[in-house]
Amino acid sequence: MSYVDGFVIAVPVANKQKFVEHARLGDAVFIDLGATRVMECWADDVPEGRVTDFRRAVQAGADEAVVFSWIEWPDKA
């Protein structure tokens, strides 16, 4: 059974390109370590919830975007 590590972070919108470049470097490392897939998803429509939401979960500021990333592995080991 495959295993997934997931991450939600806030990234300043002004640093999007820096984040993409950094993520590409990290992706290669994870693939070399055996990951089968690495994804970074830059939010384009993340509404605020009534009780909780991704923006609150990462305490994103007005100038920050929410990024949801995950790494798929063949198994947990």
C-alpha atoms as a PDB file:
ATOM      1  CA  MET A   1       0.000   0.000   0.000  1.00  0.00           C
ATOM      2  CA  SER A   2       1.334   3.462  -0.873  1.00  0.00           C
ATOM      3  CA  TYR A   3       1.991   6.135   1.748  1.00  0.00           C
ATOM      4  CA  VAL A   4       1.443   9.901   1.462  1.00  0.00           C
ATOM      5  CA  ASP A   5       3.067  12.779   3.358  1.00  0.00           C
ATOM      6  CA  GLY A   6       0.959  15.955   3.089  1.00  0.00           C
ATOM      7  CA  PHE A   7       1.790  19.557   3.923  1.00  0.00           C
ATOM      8  CA  VAL A   8      -0.139  22.843   4.002  1.00  0.00           C
ATOM      9  CA  ILE A   9       1.912  26.045   4.225  1.00  0.00           C
ATOM     10  CA  ALA A  10       1.569  29.788   3.693  1.00  0.00           C
ATOM     11  CA  VAL A  11       3.924  31.371   1.158  1.00  0.00           C
ATOM     12  CA  PRO A  12       4.207  35.104   0.431  1.00  0.00           C
ATOM     13  CA  VAL A  13       2.697  35.753  -2.998  1.00  0.00           C
ATOM     14  CA  ALA A  14       5.731  37.883  -3.871  1.00  0.00           C
ATOM     15  CA  ASN A  15       7.956  34.807  -3.352  1.00  0.00           C
ATOM     16  CA  LYS A  16       6.058  32.421  -5.630  1.00  0.00           C
ATOM     17  CA  GLN A  17       8.922  31.988  -8.101  1.00  0.00           C
ATOM     18  CA  LYS A  18      11.429  31.423  -5.289  1.00  0.00           C
ATOM     19  CA  PHE A  19       9.107  28.786  -3.822  1.00  0.00           C
ATOM     20  CA  VAL A  20       8.779  27.032  -7.189  1.00  0.00           C
ATOM     21  CA  GLU A  21      12.558  26.957  -7.646  1.00  0.00           C
ATOM     22  CA  HIS A  22      13.092  25.652  -4.103  1.00  0.00           C
ATOM     23  CA  ALA A  23      10.380  23.017  -4.537  1.00  0.00           C
ATOM     24  CA  ARG A  24      11.988  21.740  -7.749  1.00  0.00           C
ATOM     25  CA  LEU A  25      15.243  21.151  -5.892  1.00  0.00           C
ATOM     26  CA  GLY A  26      13.424  19.339  -3.099  1.00  0.00           C
ATOM     27  CA  ASP A  27      11.352  17.274  -5.525  1.00  0.00           C
ATOM     28  CA  ALA A  28      14.487  15.781  -7.037  1.00  0.00           C
ATOM     29  CA  VAL A  29      15.769  14.806  -3.590  1.00  0.00           C
ATOM     30  CA  PHE A  30      12.496  13.079  -2.676  1.00  0.00           C
ATOM     31  CA  ILE A  31      12.434  11.200  -5.995  1.00  0.00           C
ATOM     32  CA  ASP A  32      16.041  10.080  -5.422  1.00  0.00           C
ATOM     33  CA  LEU A  33      14.956   8.809  -1.989  1.00  0.00           C
ATOM     34  CA  GLY A  34      12.221   6.673  -3.555  1.00  0.00           C
ATOM     35  CA  ALA A  35       9.145   8.906  -3.811  1.00  0.00           C
ATOM     36  CA  THR A  36       6.893   7.999  -6.712  1.00  0.00           C
ATOM     37  CA  ARG A  37       5.323  11.448  -7.062  1.00  0.00           C
ATOM     38  CA  VAL A  38       5.703  14.940  -5.587  1.00  0.00           C
ATOM     39  CA  MET A  39       3.078  17.664  -6.018  1.00  0.00           C
ATOM     40  CA  GLU A  40       2.902  21.325  -4.990  1.00  0.00           C
ATOM     41  CA  CYS A  41      -0.433  23.033  -5.515  1.00  0.00           C
ATOM     42  CA  TRP A  42      -0.601  26.825  -5.355  1.00  0.00           C
ATOM     43  CA  ALA A  43      -4.071  27.898  -4.256  1.00  0.00           C
ATOM     44  CA  ASP A  44      -6.116  30.039  -6.594  1.00  0.00           C
ATOM     45  CA  ASP A  45      -9.502  29.853  -4.838  1.00  0.00           C
ATOM     46  CA  VAL A  46      -9.336  29.080  -1.103  1.00  0.00           C
ATOM     47  CA  PRO A  47     -12.355  30.635   0.591  1.00  0.00           C
ATOM     48  CA  GLU A  48     -12.450  31.416   4.282  1.00  0.00           C
ATOM     49  CA  GLY A  49     -14.540  28.942   6.223  1.00  0.00           C
ATOM     50  CA  ARG A  50     -16.975  29.594   9.040  1.00  0.00           C
ATOM     51  CA  VAL A  51     -15.138  27.529  11.654  1.00  0.00           C
ATOM     52  CA  THR A  52     -11.815  26.576  10.098  1.00  0.00           C
ATOM     53  CA  ASP A  53     -10.127  26.480   6.710  1.00  0.00           C
ATOM     54  CA  PHE A  54      -6.700  26.128   5.083  1.00  0.00           C
ATOM     55  CA  ARG A  55      -5.921  29.855   5.476  1.00  0.00           C
ATOM     56  CA  ARG A  56      -6.541  29.727   9.221  1.00  0.00           C
ATOM     57  CA  ALA A  57      -4.736  26.407   9.565  1.00  0.00           C
ATOM     58  CA  VAL A  58      -1.485  28.030   8.405  1.00  0.00           C
ATOM     59  CA  GLN A  59      -2.260  31.542   9.708  1.00  0.00           C
ATOM     60  CA  ALA A  60      -1.865  32.953   6.189  1.00  0.00           C
ATOM     61  CA  GLY A  61      -1.632  36.717   5.978  1.00  0.00           C
ATOM     62  CA  ALA A  62      -3.342  38.886   3.378  1.00  0.00           C
ATOM     63  CA  ASP A  63      -0.181  38.825   1.231  1.00  0.00           C
ATOM     64  CA  GLU A  64       0.246  35.038   1.425  1.00  0.00           C
ATOM     65  CA  ALA A  65      -1.099  32.132  -0.611  1.00  0.00           C
ATOM     66  CA  VAL A  66      -1.866  28.659   0.692  1.00  0.00           C
ATOM     67  CA  VAL A  67       0.202  25.843  -0.801  1.00  0.00           C
ATOM     68  CA  PHE A  68      -0.860  22.217  -0.442  1.00  0.00           C
ATOM     69  CA  SER A  69       1.883  19.694  -1.178  1.00  0.00           C
ATOM     70  CA  TRP A  70       2.157  15.957  -0.975  1.00  0.00           C
ATOM     71  CA  ILE A  71       4.726  13.247  -1.542  1.00  0.00           C
ATOM     72  CA  GLU A  72       3.698   9.736  -2.531  1.00  0.00           C
ATOM     73  CA  TRP A  73       5.870   6.820  -1.437  1.00  0.00           C
ATOM     74  CA  PRO A  74       5.618   3.123  -2.376  1.00  0.00           C
ATOM     75  CA  ASP A  75       5.051   2.338   1.333  1.00  0.00           C
ATOM     76  CA  LYS A  76       5.617   3.855   4.776  1.00  0.00           C
ATOM     77  CA  ALA A  77       8.998   2.178   5.242  1.00  0.00           C
END
